[in-house]
Every structure is written in C-alpha cells, then in structure tokens.
C-alpha atoms as a PDB file:
ATOM      1  CA  MET A   1     117.661  96.830 106.984  1.00  0.00           C
ATOM      2  CA  PRO A   2     116.351  94.763 104.355  1.00  0.00           C
ATOM      3  CA  GLN A   3     116.350  96.103 100.600  1.00  0.00           C
ATOM      4  CA  ALA A   4     113.659  94.684  98.002  1.00  0.00           C
ATOM      5  CA  GLY A   5     115.998  95.525  94.147  1.00  0.00           C
ATOM      6  CA  ARG A   6     114.133  96.058  91.378  1.00  0.00           C
ATOM      7  CA  GLY A   7     114.146  92.152  90.526  1.00  0.00           C
ATOM      8  CA  LEU A   8     112.398  91.423  94.462  1.00  0.00           C
ATOM      9  CA  LYS A   9     108.765  92.208  94.716  1.00  0.00           C
ATOM     10  CA  LEU A  10     107.948  94.011  97.906  1.00  0.00           C
ATOM     11  CA  SER A  11     105.659  91.312  99.030  1.00  0.00           C
ATOM     12  CA  GLY A  12     108.353  89.156  99.405  1.00  0.00           C
ATOM     13  CA  ALA A  13     110.771  91.251 101.138  1.00  0.00           C
ATOM     14  CA  VAL A  14     108.111  91.987 103.698  1.00  0.00           C
ATOM     15  CA  LEU A  15     107.500  88.569 103.695  1.00  0.00           C
ATOM     16  CA  ASP A  16     110.965  87.444 104.062  1.00  0.00           C
ATOM     17  CA  ALA A  17     112.148  90.379 107.017  1.00  0.00           C
ATOM     18  CA  VAL A  18     109.081  89.466 109.217  1.00  0.00           C
ATOM     19  CA  ALA A  19     109.784  85.834 108.761  1.00  0.00           C
ATOM     20  CA  ASP A  20     113.604  87.056 109.786  1.00  0.00           C
ATOM     21  CA  ALA A  21     112.608  89.034 112.721  1.00  0.00           C
ATOM     22  CA  LYS A  22     110.056  86.245 114.237  1.00  0.00           C
ATOM     23  CA  GLY A  23     112.700  83.198 113.608  1.00  0.00           C
ATOM     24  CA  VAL A  24     110.891  80.975 111.327  1.00  0.00           C
ATOM     25  CA  ASP A  25     109.922  80.126 107.489  1.00  0.00           C
ATOM     26  CA  PRO A  26     107.355  82.587 105.923  1.00  0.00           C
ATOM     27  CA  THR A  27     105.021  80.181 104.925  1.00  0.00           C
ATOM     28  CA  GLU A  28     104.792  79.962 108.378  1.00  0.00           C
ATOM     29  CA  LEU A  29     103.286  83.111 108.968  1.00  0.00           C
ATOM     30  CA  ASN A  30     100.060  84.146 110.418  1.00  0.00           C
ATOM     31  CA  PRO A  31      97.485  85.558 108.921  1.00  0.00           C
ATOM     32  CA  PRO A  32      98.553  85.654 104.897  1.00  0.00           C
ATOM     33  CA  LEU A  33     100.231  89.286 104.306  1.00  0.00           C
ATOM     34  CA  SER A  34      96.882  89.770 101.378  1.00  0.00           C
ATOM     35  CA  ALA A  35      94.890  89.562 104.716  1.00  0.00           C
ATOM     36  CA  VAL A  36      96.152  92.476 105.536  1.00  0.00           C
ATOM     37  CA  VAL A  37      97.472  94.488 102.636  1.00  0.00           C
ATOM     38  CA  ASN A  38      96.911  94.393  98.517  1.00  0.00           C
ATOM     39  CA  ALA A  39     100.404  93.010  97.813  1.00  0.00           C
ATOM     40  CA  ASP A  40      99.288  93.213  94.256  1.00  0.00           C
ATOM     41  CA  ALA A  41      99.512  97.561  95.193  1.00  0.00           C
ATOM     42  CA  LEU A  42     102.644  96.968  97.415  1.00  0.00           C
ATOM     43  CA  ASP A  43     104.649  95.664  94.499  1.00  0.00           C
ATOM     44  CA  ASP A  44     103.419  98.280  92.706  1.00  0.00           C
ATOM     45  CA  LEU A  45     104.358 101.401  95.606  1.00  0.00           C
ATOM     46  CA  PHE A  46     107.533 103.194  95.065  1.00  0.00           C
ATOM     47  CA  VAL A  47     108.090 101.785  91.811  1.00  0.00           C
ATOM     48  CA  ASP A  48     109.062 105.361  90.425  1.00  0.00           C
ATOM     49  CA  THR A  49     109.065 108.042  92.161  1.00  0.00           C
ATOM     50  CA  GLY A  50     110.939 110.510  90.571  1.00  0.00           C
ATOM     51  CA  GLY A  51     113.401 110.836  93.720  1.00  0.00           C
ATOM     52  CA  GLU A  52     110.516 111.768  96.411  1.00  0.00           C
ATOM     53  CA  ALA A  53     110.614 110.609  99.578  1.00  0.00           C
ATOM     54  CA  GLY A  54     107.940 108.270 101.265  1.00  0.00           C
ATOM     55  CA  ARG A  55     106.511 105.589 103.610  1.00  0.00           C
ATOM     56  CA  ILE A  56     104.612 103.452 104.046  1.00  0.00           C
ATOM     57  CA  VAL A  57     103.569 101.558 107.753  1.00  0.00           C
ATOM     58  CA  PHE A  58     101.118  98.635 108.558  1.00  0.00           C
ATOM     59  CA  GLU A  59     101.408  95.339 111.164  1.00  0.00           C
ATOM     60  CA  TYR A  60     101.176  92.067 110.459  1.00  0.00           C
ATOM     61  CA  SER A  61     101.680  89.228 112.288  1.00  0.00           C
ATOM     62  CA  GLY A  62     102.727  90.833 115.240  1.00  0.00           C
ATOM     63  CA  CYS A  63     105.133  93.406 113.685  1.00  0.00           C
ATOM     64  CA  GLU A  64     104.913  97.074 112.519  1.00  0.00           C
ATOM     65  CA  VAL A  65     106.261  97.296 109.200  1.00  0.00           C
ATOM     66  CA  THR A  66     107.911  99.681 107.418  1.00  0.00           C
ATOM     67  CA  VAL A  67     108.761 100.456 103.750  1.00  0.00           C
ATOM     68  CA  GLU A  68     110.837 103.367 102.347  1.00  0.00           C
ATOM     69  CA  SER A  69     110.782 104.731  99.102  1.00  0.00           C
ATOM     70  CA  ASP A  70     114.470 103.226  98.457  1.00  0.00           C
ATOM     71  CA  ARG A  71     111.973 100.468  98.525  1.00  0.00           C
ATOM     72  CA  THR A  72     114.099  99.184 102.261  1.00  0.00           C
ATOM     73  CA  VAL A  73     112.268  97.224 104.471  1.00  0.00           C
ATOM     74  CA  GLU A  74     112.406  98.118 108.567  1.00  0.00           C
ATOM     75  CA  VAL A  75     110.212  95.232 111.037  1.00  0.00           C
ATOM     76  CA  ARG A  76     109.817  95.481 114.923  1.00  0.00           C
ATOM     77  CA  ARG A  77     107.793  93.119 116.299  1.00  0.00           C
ATOM     78  CA  ARG A  78     105.703  94.730 119.306  1.00  0.00           C
ATOM     79  CA  PRO A  79     106.079  93.935 122.993  1.00  0.00           C
ATOM     80  CA  SER A  80     103.239  91.782 123.580  1.00  0.00           C
ATOM     81  CA  ASP A  81     103.842  89.650 120.836  1.00  0.00           C
ATOM     82  CA  GLU A  82     107.123  89.261 121.631  1.00  0.00           C
ATOM     83  CA  GLN A  83     106.097  87.512 124.663  1.00  0.00           C
ATOM     84  CA  THR A  84     104.342  84.723 122.930  1.00  0.00           C
ATOM     85  CA  ASN A  85     106.893  83.661 120.344  1.00  0.00           C
END
C-alpha cells in the first residue's frame, strides 16, 4: 500500500493511488478530488496523531479509498467500476 511521507500531501497520495489502481494518469480522474472530499482537510489529517490510530474511508472515482493514521492509502475498485473501466 502506498504511504504518504511527511513531505507528500495525503491528497496527492490519494490521487496517485487511485490513478494507479485504475491505470490512468491522475489528471484523467473524474470528478476532481475536491468535489468529493476537502483536500486541505485531508492534507491536515493525521499530521500529529500522538500515536492514536484512526482512519477515513470514502468513495472516489469508482474506488473505495482508505487512509490510515500512519498515512497509508489503500484503494479498492468497486466491482461496477471494474466492468466499465
């Protein structure tokens, strides 16, 4: 699973991971990530958790995206999206 380092914003890691899962360039993803989730809030999420575990799960561009508190990004394509793309 990809992991956003301290220098990489989570929104960028999500875009890269979803694009990789779909086999497309990040610029080809539709809709824009900002239409689904507040990218600034996502970037600030899990910056300093104090060791506490947590996660956020949301759907984006035909995929289920899970972001863990250790900044790991997991992407699973939805079955209906796999048939169309």
